[in-house]
N, C-alpha and C. Protein backbone atom coordinates (compact mmCIF):
# COMPACT_ATOMS: atom_id res chain seq x y z
N MET A 1 0.84 -1.18 0.00
CA MET A 1 0.00 0.00 0.00
C MET A 1 0.89 1.25 0.00
N PHE A 2 0.34 2.32 -0.54
CA PHE A 2 1.04 3.59 -0.53
C PHE A 2 1.09 4.14 0.90
N VAL A 3 2.06 4.96 1.18
CA VAL A 3 2.18 5.59 2.48
C VAL A 3 0.90 6.36 2.81
N SER A 4 0.32 7.02 1.83
CA SER A 4 -0.88 7.82 2.05
C SER A 4 -2.07 6.98 2.48
N GLU A 5 -2.06 5.71 2.14
CA GLU A 5 -3.18 4.85 2.52
C GLU A 5 -3.21 4.55 4.01
N LEU A 6 -2.15 4.92 4.71
CA LEU A 6 -2.16 4.79 6.16
C LEU A 6 -3.13 5.80 6.79
N SER A 7 -3.58 6.79 6.01
CA SER A 7 -4.55 7.77 6.53
C SER A 7 -5.98 7.24 6.47
N LEU A 8 -6.18 6.10 5.86
CA LEU A 8 -7.51 5.49 5.81
C LEU A 8 -7.75 4.72 7.10
N GLY A 9 -8.93 4.78 7.59
CA GLY A 9 -9.27 4.02 8.80
C GLY A 9 -9.26 4.88 10.05
N PRO A 10 -9.57 4.26 11.18
CA PRO A 10 -9.76 5.01 12.42
C PRO A 10 -8.49 5.68 12.97
N SER A 11 -7.33 5.15 12.68
CA SER A 11 -6.08 5.77 13.15
C SER A 11 -5.43 6.62 12.07
N GLY A 12 -6.17 6.93 11.04
CA GLY A 12 -5.64 7.70 9.92
C GLY A 12 -5.17 9.10 10.29
N TRP A 13 -5.72 9.65 11.36
CA TRP A 13 -5.33 10.99 11.77
C TRP A 13 -3.84 11.08 12.08
N ILE A 14 -3.22 9.95 12.47
CA ILE A 14 -1.78 9.94 12.77
C ILE A 14 -0.98 10.23 11.49
N GLN A 15 -1.37 9.59 10.39
CA GLN A 15 -0.68 9.83 9.12
C GLN A 15 -0.94 11.25 8.62
N MET A 16 -2.16 11.74 8.80
CA MET A 16 -2.47 13.11 8.39
C MET A 16 -1.60 14.10 9.17
N LEU A 17 -1.45 13.87 10.46
CA LEU A 17 -0.59 14.71 11.29
C LEU A 17 0.86 14.60 10.86
N ASN A 18 1.26 13.40 10.48
CA ASN A 18 2.62 13.18 9.97
C ASN A 18 2.89 14.05 8.75
N PHE A 19 1.95 14.11 7.81
CA PHE A 19 2.11 14.97 6.64
C PHE A 19 2.26 16.43 7.05
N LEU A 20 1.44 16.88 7.96
CA LEU A 20 1.48 18.28 8.40
C LEU A 20 2.79 18.61 9.11
N LEU A 21 3.23 17.75 10.01
CA LEU A 21 4.47 18.01 10.74
C LEU A 21 5.70 17.94 9.84
N THR A 22 5.73 16.95 8.96
CA THR A 22 6.86 16.84 8.03
C THR A 22 6.91 18.04 7.11
N GLY A 23 5.75 18.50 6.65
CA GLY A 23 5.70 19.70 5.82
C GLY A 23 6.20 20.92 6.57
N ALA A 24 5.80 21.06 7.83
CA ALA A 24 6.25 22.20 8.64
C ALA A 24 7.77 22.16 8.83
N LEU A 25 8.32 20.97 9.06
CA LEU A 25 9.77 20.85 9.21
C LEU A 25 10.50 21.15 7.89
N LEU A 26 9.90 20.78 6.78
CA LEU A 26 10.49 21.12 5.48
C LEU A 26 10.48 22.63 5.25
N LEU A 27 9.45 23.30 5.73
CA LEU A 27 9.43 24.77 5.64
C LEU A 27 10.61 25.37 6.40
N VAL A 28 10.88 24.85 7.58
CA VAL A 28 12.02 25.33 8.37
C VAL A 28 13.33 25.04 7.64
N PHE A 29 13.44 23.85 7.06
CA PHE A 29 14.63 23.49 6.30
C PHE A 29 14.82 24.44 5.11
N GLY A 30 13.74 24.74 4.40
CA GLY A 30 13.82 25.67 3.28
C GLY A 30 14.27 27.05 3.73
N ARG A 31 13.82 27.46 4.91
CA ARG A 31 14.25 28.75 5.47
C ARG A 31 15.74 28.74 5.76
N GLY A 32 16.23 27.63 6.29
CA GLY A 32 17.66 27.50 6.54
C GLY A 32 18.47 27.54 5.25
N LEU A 33 17.97 26.92 4.21
CA LEU A 33 18.64 26.97 2.91
C LEU A 33 18.69 28.40 2.37
N ARG A 34 17.57 29.10 2.51
CA ARG A 34 17.51 30.48 2.04
C ARG A 34 18.50 31.37 2.80
N THR A 35 18.66 31.10 4.08
CA THR A 35 19.59 31.87 4.90
C THR A 35 21.03 31.62 4.49
N ASP A 36 21.37 30.35 4.21
CA ASP A 36 22.75 30.02 3.86
C ASP A 36 23.09 30.33 2.41
N PHE A 37 22.17 30.11 1.51
CA PHE A 37 22.43 30.33 0.09
C PHE A 37 21.79 31.65 -0.34
N ARG A 38 22.45 32.75 -0.05
CA ARG A 38 21.88 34.07 -0.33
C ARG A 38 22.09 34.51 -1.77
N THR A 39 23.17 34.05 -2.38
CA THR A 39 23.47 34.44 -3.76
C THR A 39 23.91 33.21 -4.54
N GLY A 40 23.94 33.36 -5.84
CA GLY A 40 24.45 32.30 -6.69
C GLY A 40 23.40 31.27 -7.07
N ALA A 41 23.90 30.19 -7.68
CA ALA A 41 23.03 29.12 -8.14
C ALA A 41 22.27 28.52 -6.96
N ALA A 42 21.02 28.25 -7.15
CA ALA A 42 20.11 27.62 -6.18
C ALA A 42 19.71 28.55 -5.04
N SER A 43 20.12 29.80 -5.07
CA SER A 43 19.79 30.69 -3.95
C SER A 43 18.30 31.02 -3.89
N ARG A 44 17.64 31.02 -5.01
CA ARG A 44 16.20 31.29 -5.02
C ARG A 44 15.39 30.03 -5.33
N ALA A 45 15.76 29.36 -6.41
CA ALA A 45 14.98 28.20 -6.85
C ALA A 45 15.05 27.04 -5.86
N GLY A 46 16.21 26.80 -5.26
CA GLY A 46 16.36 25.69 -4.34
C GLY A 46 15.43 25.77 -3.14
N PRO A 47 15.53 26.85 -2.35
CA PRO A 47 14.61 26.96 -1.21
C PRO A 47 13.14 27.01 -1.64
N LEU A 48 12.87 27.62 -2.79
CA LEU A 48 11.49 27.68 -3.28
C LEU A 48 10.95 26.27 -3.56
N LEU A 49 11.78 25.42 -4.14
CA LEU A 49 11.36 24.04 -4.41
C LEU A 49 11.14 23.27 -3.11
N VAL A 50 11.99 23.49 -2.12
CA VAL A 50 11.80 22.83 -0.83
C VAL A 50 10.51 23.33 -0.19
N HIS A 51 10.25 24.63 -0.28
CA HIS A 51 8.99 25.16 0.25
C HIS A 51 7.79 24.58 -0.50
N CYS A 52 7.92 24.40 -1.80
CA CYS A 52 6.86 23.79 -2.60
C CYS A 52 6.58 22.37 -2.11
N MET A 53 7.64 21.61 -1.86
CA MET A 53 7.47 20.25 -1.34
C MET A 53 6.77 20.29 0.01
N ALA A 54 7.15 21.25 0.85
CA ALA A 54 6.55 21.38 2.18
C ALA A 54 5.06 21.69 2.09
N VAL A 55 4.73 22.65 1.24
CA VAL A 55 3.32 23.04 1.09
C VAL A 55 2.51 21.87 0.53
N CYS A 56 3.10 21.12 -0.40
CA CYS A 56 2.40 19.96 -0.96
C CYS A 56 2.09 18.92 0.11
N LEU A 57 3.06 18.66 0.99
CA LEU A 57 2.80 17.71 2.08
C LEU A 57 1.71 18.22 3.01
N MET A 58 1.80 19.49 3.36
CA MET A 58 0.82 20.06 4.28
C MET A 58 -0.57 20.13 3.65
N ALA A 59 -0.63 20.40 2.35
CA ALA A 59 -1.92 20.50 1.67
C ALA A 59 -2.54 19.12 1.46
N SER A 60 -1.71 18.11 1.23
CA SER A 60 -2.25 16.77 0.98
C SER A 60 -2.66 16.07 2.27
N GLY A 61 -2.08 16.46 3.39
CA GLY A 61 -2.33 15.79 4.66
C GLY A 61 -3.78 15.68 5.05
N PRO A 62 -4.55 16.78 5.06
CA PRO A 62 -5.95 16.68 5.52
C PRO A 62 -6.86 15.94 4.54
N PHE A 63 -6.39 15.71 3.34
CA PHE A 63 -7.21 15.03 2.32
C PHE A 63 -6.80 13.57 2.23
N THR A 64 -7.70 12.68 2.57
CA THR A 64 -7.38 11.26 2.51
C THR A 64 -7.33 10.79 1.06
N THR A 65 -6.43 9.88 0.80
CA THR A 65 -6.29 9.33 -0.54
C THR A 65 -7.38 8.29 -0.79
N ASP A 66 -7.56 7.95 -2.03
CA ASP A 66 -8.46 6.86 -2.39
C ASP A 66 -7.69 5.55 -2.29
N PRO A 67 -8.33 4.46 -1.88
CA PRO A 67 -7.63 3.18 -1.81
C PRO A 67 -7.14 2.75 -3.20
N SER A 68 -5.89 2.34 -3.28
CA SER A 68 -5.34 1.94 -4.58
C SER A 68 -5.87 0.59 -5.02
N THR A 69 -6.51 -0.14 -4.11
CA THR A 69 -7.07 -1.45 -4.46
C THR A 69 -8.38 -1.32 -5.23
N MET A 70 -8.91 -0.09 -5.30
CA MET A 70 -10.16 0.14 -6.04
C MET A 70 -9.93 1.19 -7.13
N PRO A 71 -9.16 0.85 -8.17
CA PRO A 71 -8.91 1.83 -9.22
C PRO A 71 -10.22 2.24 -9.91
N GLY A 72 -10.30 3.47 -10.30
CA GLY A 72 -11.50 3.96 -10.96
C GLY A 72 -12.44 4.66 -10.00
N GLN A 73 -12.35 4.35 -8.73
CA GLN A 73 -13.16 5.03 -7.74
C GLN A 73 -12.39 6.23 -7.24
N THR A 74 -12.90 7.42 -7.56
CA THR A 74 -12.21 8.62 -7.12
C THR A 74 -13.15 9.53 -6.36
N THR A 75 -12.57 10.19 -5.37
CA THR A 75 -13.31 11.18 -4.60
C THR A 75 -12.58 12.51 -4.73
N LEU A 76 -13.22 13.58 -4.34
CA LEU A 76 -12.58 14.89 -4.37
C LEU A 76 -11.37 14.90 -3.45
N HIS A 77 -11.49 14.29 -2.28
CA HIS A 77 -10.35 14.19 -1.36
C HIS A 77 -9.18 13.47 -2.02
N GLY A 78 -9.48 12.37 -2.67
CA GLY A 78 -8.44 11.58 -3.33
C GLY A 78 -7.77 12.34 -4.46
N ILE A 79 -8.54 13.11 -5.22
CA ILE A 79 -7.98 13.90 -6.32
C ILE A 79 -7.05 14.97 -5.78
N VAL A 80 -7.51 15.71 -4.77
CA VAL A 80 -6.69 16.78 -4.18
C VAL A 80 -5.40 16.18 -3.62
N HIS A 81 -5.52 15.09 -2.89
CA HIS A 81 -4.35 14.43 -2.33
C HIS A 81 -3.39 13.98 -3.45
N GLY A 82 -3.94 13.42 -4.49
CA GLY A 82 -3.11 12.94 -5.60
C GLY A 82 -2.39 14.06 -6.33
N VAL A 83 -3.05 15.19 -6.52
CA VAL A 83 -2.41 16.33 -7.21
C VAL A 83 -1.23 16.84 -6.39
N PHE A 84 -1.45 17.05 -5.09
CA PHE A 84 -0.36 17.55 -4.25
C PHE A 84 0.74 16.50 -4.08
N GLY A 85 0.37 15.24 -4.04
CA GLY A 85 1.38 14.17 -3.97
C GLY A 85 2.23 14.14 -5.23
N ALA A 86 1.59 14.29 -6.38
CA ALA A 86 2.33 14.31 -7.65
C ALA A 86 3.28 15.51 -7.71
N LEU A 87 2.82 16.66 -7.22
CA LEU A 87 3.68 17.85 -7.20
C LEU A 87 4.87 17.64 -6.26
N PHE A 88 4.64 16.99 -5.13
CA PHE A 88 5.74 16.70 -4.19
C PHE A 88 6.79 15.83 -4.87
N PHE A 89 6.34 14.73 -5.48
CA PHE A 89 7.29 13.81 -6.10
C PHE A 89 7.94 14.38 -7.36
N THR A 90 7.30 15.33 -8.00
CA THR A 90 7.91 16.00 -9.16
C THR A 90 8.95 17.01 -8.70
N SER A 91 8.67 17.71 -7.61
CA SER A 91 9.59 18.73 -7.11
C SER A 91 10.88 18.13 -6.55
N ALA A 92 10.82 16.94 -5.99
CA ALA A 92 11.98 16.35 -5.32
C ALA A 92 13.19 16.17 -6.25
N PRO A 93 13.06 15.51 -7.41
CA PRO A 93 14.26 15.39 -8.25
C PRO A 93 14.69 16.73 -8.85
N VAL A 94 13.73 17.60 -9.15
CA VAL A 94 14.08 18.92 -9.67
C VAL A 94 14.91 19.67 -8.63
N CYS A 95 14.52 19.55 -7.38
CA CYS A 95 15.25 20.16 -6.27
C CYS A 95 16.70 19.64 -6.23
N CYS A 96 16.86 18.34 -6.38
CA CYS A 96 18.20 17.76 -6.39
C CYS A 96 19.04 18.31 -7.53
N PHE A 97 18.45 18.42 -8.71
CA PHE A 97 19.21 18.92 -9.86
C PHE A 97 19.58 20.39 -9.68
N VAL A 98 18.70 21.17 -9.11
CA VAL A 98 18.99 22.59 -8.85
C VAL A 98 20.15 22.71 -7.86
N PHE A 99 20.11 21.93 -6.78
CA PHE A 99 21.19 22.00 -5.80
C PHE A 99 22.48 21.38 -6.31
N TYR A 100 22.39 20.40 -7.20
CA TYR A 100 23.59 19.85 -7.81
C TYR A 100 24.36 20.95 -8.52
N ARG A 101 23.65 21.80 -9.21
CA ARG A 101 24.28 22.92 -9.93
C ARG A 101 25.07 23.80 -8.95
N ARG A 102 24.52 24.02 -7.77
CA ARG A 102 25.20 24.83 -6.76
C ARG A 102 26.36 24.06 -6.13
N PHE A 103 26.09 22.83 -5.77
CA PHE A 103 27.07 22.06 -5.02
C PHE A 103 28.35 21.79 -5.81
N ARG A 104 28.23 21.58 -7.10
CA ARG A 104 29.43 21.25 -7.88
C ARG A 104 30.40 22.42 -8.00
N THR A 105 29.93 23.66 -7.77
CA THR A 105 30.81 24.82 -7.89
C THR A 105 31.15 25.46 -6.54
N ASP A 106 30.54 25.00 -5.47
CA ASP A 106 30.76 25.57 -4.15
C ASP A 106 31.73 24.68 -3.39
N HIS A 107 32.86 25.23 -2.97
CA HIS A 107 33.90 24.43 -2.31
C HIS A 107 33.36 23.68 -1.09
N TYR A 108 32.58 24.34 -0.27
CA TYR A 108 32.07 23.72 0.95
C TYR A 108 31.12 22.56 0.64
N TRP A 109 30.30 22.72 -0.39
CA TRP A 109 29.26 21.73 -0.70
C TRP A 109 29.67 20.73 -1.77
N ARG A 110 30.84 20.88 -2.35
CA ARG A 110 31.26 19.99 -3.45
C ARG A 110 31.18 18.51 -3.10
N PRO A 111 31.50 18.09 -1.86
CA PRO A 111 31.38 16.65 -1.56
C PRO A 111 29.96 16.10 -1.72
N PHE A 112 28.96 16.96 -1.72
CA PHE A 112 27.57 16.52 -1.86
C PHE A 112 27.08 16.51 -3.30
N ALA A 113 27.88 17.03 -4.21
CA ALA A 113 27.44 17.18 -5.60
C ALA A 113 27.10 15.84 -6.26
N GLY A 114 28.01 14.89 -6.19
CA GLY A 114 27.78 13.60 -6.84
C GLY A 114 26.58 12.86 -6.26
N TRP A 115 26.47 12.87 -4.94
CA TRP A 115 25.37 12.20 -4.29
C TRP A 115 24.05 12.87 -4.62
N THR A 116 24.06 14.20 -4.72
CA THR A 116 22.85 14.94 -5.06
C THR A 116 22.40 14.63 -6.48
N LEU A 117 23.36 14.58 -7.41
CA LEU A 117 23.02 14.20 -8.78
C LEU A 117 22.49 12.77 -8.83
N GLY A 118 23.15 11.87 -8.11
CA GLY A 118 22.70 10.48 -8.08
C GLY A 118 21.30 10.35 -7.50
N ALA A 119 21.01 11.11 -6.45
CA ALA A 119 19.68 11.08 -5.85
C ALA A 119 18.63 11.57 -6.85
N GLY A 120 18.95 12.64 -7.57
CA GLY A 120 18.02 13.17 -8.57
C GLY A 120 17.73 12.15 -9.67
N ILE A 121 18.77 11.49 -10.15
CA ILE A 121 18.60 10.48 -11.21
C ILE A 121 17.79 9.29 -10.68
N LEU A 122 18.13 8.82 -9.48
CA LEU A 122 17.37 7.69 -8.90
C LEU A 122 15.91 8.06 -8.70
N LEU A 123 15.65 9.29 -8.30
CA LEU A 123 14.27 9.72 -8.11
C LEU A 123 13.50 9.73 -9.43
N VAL A 124 14.12 10.23 -10.48
CA VAL A 124 13.45 10.24 -11.79
C VAL A 124 13.14 8.82 -12.25
N LEU A 125 14.13 7.94 -12.16
CA LEU A 125 13.91 6.55 -12.57
C LEU A 125 12.87 5.88 -11.68
N GLY A 126 12.96 6.11 -10.37
CA GLY A 126 12.01 5.51 -9.44
C GLY A 126 10.59 6.00 -9.66
N ILE A 127 10.43 7.28 -9.94
CA ILE A 127 9.09 7.82 -10.20
C ILE A 127 8.50 7.20 -11.45
N ALA A 128 9.33 7.00 -12.47
CA ALA A 128 8.85 6.36 -13.71
C ALA A 128 8.39 4.92 -13.43
N ILE A 129 9.18 4.20 -12.65
CA ILE A 129 8.81 2.82 -12.30
C ILE A 129 7.56 2.82 -11.42
N LEU A 130 7.48 3.76 -10.49
CA LEU A 130 6.30 3.86 -9.62
C LEU A 130 5.06 4.12 -10.44
N ARG A 131 5.17 4.95 -11.44
CA ARG A 131 4.03 5.26 -12.31
C ARG A 131 3.54 3.99 -13.02
N VAL A 132 4.47 3.19 -13.50
CA VAL A 132 4.10 1.92 -14.16
C VAL A 132 3.48 0.97 -13.15
N SER A 133 4.02 0.96 -11.92
CA SER A 133 3.53 0.01 -10.90
C SER A 133 2.10 0.29 -10.48
N GLN A 134 1.59 1.48 -10.73
CA GLN A 134 0.24 1.82 -10.31
C GLN A 134 -0.83 1.17 -11.19
N GLN A 135 -0.43 0.60 -12.30
CA GLN A 135 -1.37 -0.04 -13.21
C GLN A 135 -1.57 -1.50 -12.79
N PRO A 136 -2.79 -1.88 -12.41
CA PRO A 136 -3.02 -3.29 -12.07
C PRO A 136 -2.63 -4.19 -13.25
N GLY A 137 -2.00 -5.28 -12.95
CA GLY A 137 -1.56 -6.20 -14.00
C GLY A 137 -0.18 -5.87 -14.54
N SER A 138 0.48 -4.84 -13.99
CA SER A 138 1.80 -4.46 -14.48
C SER A 138 2.89 -5.41 -13.99
N GLY A 139 2.58 -6.24 -13.03
CA GLY A 139 3.59 -7.10 -12.44
C GLY A 139 4.31 -6.41 -11.29
N LEU A 140 4.14 -5.12 -11.18
CA LEU A 140 4.76 -4.35 -10.10
C LEU A 140 3.73 -3.79 -9.12
N PHE A 141 2.46 -4.01 -9.40
CA PHE A 141 1.39 -3.42 -8.60
C PHE A 141 1.53 -3.78 -7.12
N GLU A 142 1.94 -5.00 -6.84
CA GLU A 142 2.09 -5.44 -5.45
C GLU A 142 3.25 -4.75 -4.75
N PHE A 143 4.16 -4.16 -5.52
CA PHE A 143 5.36 -3.54 -4.95
C PHE A 143 5.30 -2.01 -4.94
N LYS A 144 4.15 -1.44 -5.28
CA LYS A 144 4.05 0.03 -5.39
C LYS A 144 4.36 0.73 -4.07
N GLY A 145 3.91 0.17 -2.96
CA GLY A 145 4.19 0.76 -1.65
C GLY A 145 5.67 0.71 -1.32
N LEU A 146 6.31 -0.41 -1.63
CA LEU A 146 7.74 -0.55 -1.40
C LEU A 146 8.51 0.45 -2.26
N LEU A 147 8.13 0.55 -3.53
CA LEU A 147 8.79 1.50 -4.42
C LEU A 147 8.65 2.93 -3.90
N GLN A 148 7.46 3.28 -3.45
CA GLN A 148 7.25 4.63 -2.93
C GLN A 148 8.09 4.87 -1.68
N ARG A 149 8.20 3.87 -0.83
CA ARG A 149 9.01 4.03 0.38
C ARG A 149 10.49 4.18 0.05
N VAL A 150 10.96 3.49 -0.97
CA VAL A 150 12.35 3.66 -1.41
C VAL A 150 12.56 5.10 -1.88
N LEU A 151 11.62 5.63 -2.64
CA LEU A 151 11.73 7.02 -3.10
C LEU A 151 11.72 8.00 -1.92
N LEU A 152 10.82 7.78 -0.99
CA LEU A 152 10.76 8.65 0.18
C LEU A 152 12.04 8.55 1.01
N THR A 153 12.63 7.37 1.08
CA THR A 153 13.90 7.21 1.78
C THR A 153 15.00 8.00 1.09
N ILE A 154 15.03 7.97 -0.23
CA ILE A 154 16.03 8.75 -0.97
C ILE A 154 15.83 10.23 -0.70
N ILE A 155 14.60 10.70 -0.79
CA ILE A 155 14.33 12.12 -0.58
C ILE A 155 14.73 12.55 0.84
N MET A 156 14.27 11.80 1.82
CA MET A 156 14.54 12.19 3.21
C MET A 156 16.02 12.04 3.57
N THR A 157 16.69 11.04 3.02
CA THR A 157 18.12 10.89 3.27
C THR A 157 18.88 12.07 2.68
N TRP A 158 18.50 12.51 1.49
CA TRP A 158 19.15 13.67 0.89
C TRP A 158 18.91 14.92 1.76
N ILE A 159 17.69 15.09 2.22
CA ILE A 159 17.38 16.25 3.07
C ILE A 159 18.23 16.22 4.34
N PHE A 160 18.30 15.07 5.01
CA PHE A 160 19.11 14.98 6.22
C PHE A 160 20.59 15.17 5.91
N ALA A 161 21.05 14.62 4.79
CA ALA A 161 22.46 14.76 4.42
C ALA A 161 22.83 16.22 4.16
N VAL A 162 21.91 17.01 3.68
CA VAL A 162 22.17 18.44 3.44
C VAL A 162 21.92 19.24 4.72
N ALA A 163 20.91 18.89 5.48
CA ALA A 163 20.56 19.65 6.68
C ALA A 163 21.65 19.56 7.75
N PHE A 164 22.27 18.41 7.89
CA PHE A 164 23.27 18.25 8.94
C PHE A 164 24.45 19.21 8.76
N PRO A 165 25.13 19.23 7.61
CA PRO A 165 26.23 20.19 7.45
C PRO A 165 25.74 21.64 7.37
N LEU A 166 24.52 21.83 6.90
CA LEU A 166 23.96 23.19 6.86
C LEU A 166 23.87 23.75 8.28
N ARG A 167 23.44 22.92 9.19
CA ARG A 167 23.34 23.33 10.60
C ARG A 167 24.72 23.69 11.15
N HIS A 168 25.71 22.85 10.88
CA HIS A 168 27.05 23.12 11.38
C HIS A 168 27.67 24.34 10.70
N HIS A 169 27.42 24.48 9.41
CA HIS A 169 27.93 25.63 8.67
C HIS A 169 27.33 26.91 9.22
N TYR A 170 26.05 26.88 9.53
CA TYR A 170 25.37 28.05 10.09
C TYR A 170 25.92 28.37 11.47
N ARG A 171 26.10 27.36 12.30
CA ARG A 171 26.65 27.57 13.64
C ARG A 171 28.05 28.15 13.58
N ASP A 172 28.91 27.59 12.71
CA ASP A 172 30.29 28.05 12.61
C ASP A 172 30.38 29.49 12.12
N SER A 173 29.51 29.86 11.21
CA SER A 173 29.58 31.21 10.64
C SER A 173 28.96 32.27 11.55
N ASN A 174 28.19 31.87 12.57
CA ASN A 174 27.53 32.82 13.45
C ASN A 174 28.09 32.88 14.86
N GLN A 175 29.23 32.28 15.08
CA GLN A 175 29.78 32.28 16.44
C GLN A 175 30.47 33.58 16.78
N GLY A 176 30.91 34.34 15.81
CA GLY A 176 31.57 35.61 16.08
C GLY A 176 32.99 35.40 16.60
N PRO A 177 33.63 36.51 16.95
CA PRO A 177 35.03 36.40 17.42
C PRO A 177 35.10 35.71 18.78
N LYS A 178 36.11 34.90 18.93
CA LYS A 178 36.29 34.19 20.19
C LYS A 178 37.19 35.00 21.10
N ALA A 179 36.86 34.99 22.36
CA ALA A 179 37.68 35.72 23.34
C ALA A 179 39.00 34.97 23.57
N LEU A 180 40.04 35.73 23.71
CA LEU A 180 41.35 35.13 24.00
C LEU A 180 41.39 34.75 25.47
N PRO A 181 42.05 33.61 25.79
CA PRO A 181 42.11 33.20 27.21
C PRO A 181 43.00 34.10 28.03
């Protein structure tokens, strides 16, 4: 099952809250990116894409998805959730490619360039496979949830991999002059 299908049923509010909280944390991450990348490549588009991903998660959260086991049955909630979900998954690889452009030329971020490009490529390929897996009878239909979780793991791992040094870079640059003993 898709991650979004965890919002179906009596405990679905937990998954809805998860979407809202993760989106809020992505907004904070985007703000941190905007603070660190003030000029140059990815200074505007990168944080904007992260904010887009955040808004998509927050907007899709309150709208429950339609069960994937009943193709053809659509509700307004399911359509809204699907549109914002598609925008989230489309923004993720674009975000990686935008930051790759920055990382390959920035001395501090250069070690992340190859991994960022690889994440973007894996996301594009994974999204294409996920799209095929959504068709019943594709042979991959039973694995659609696993495929989606792999994609989400790539996205979240990239975010954590960038957020961790961003935090340290921000701390180091804002400590000011140290007092002599």
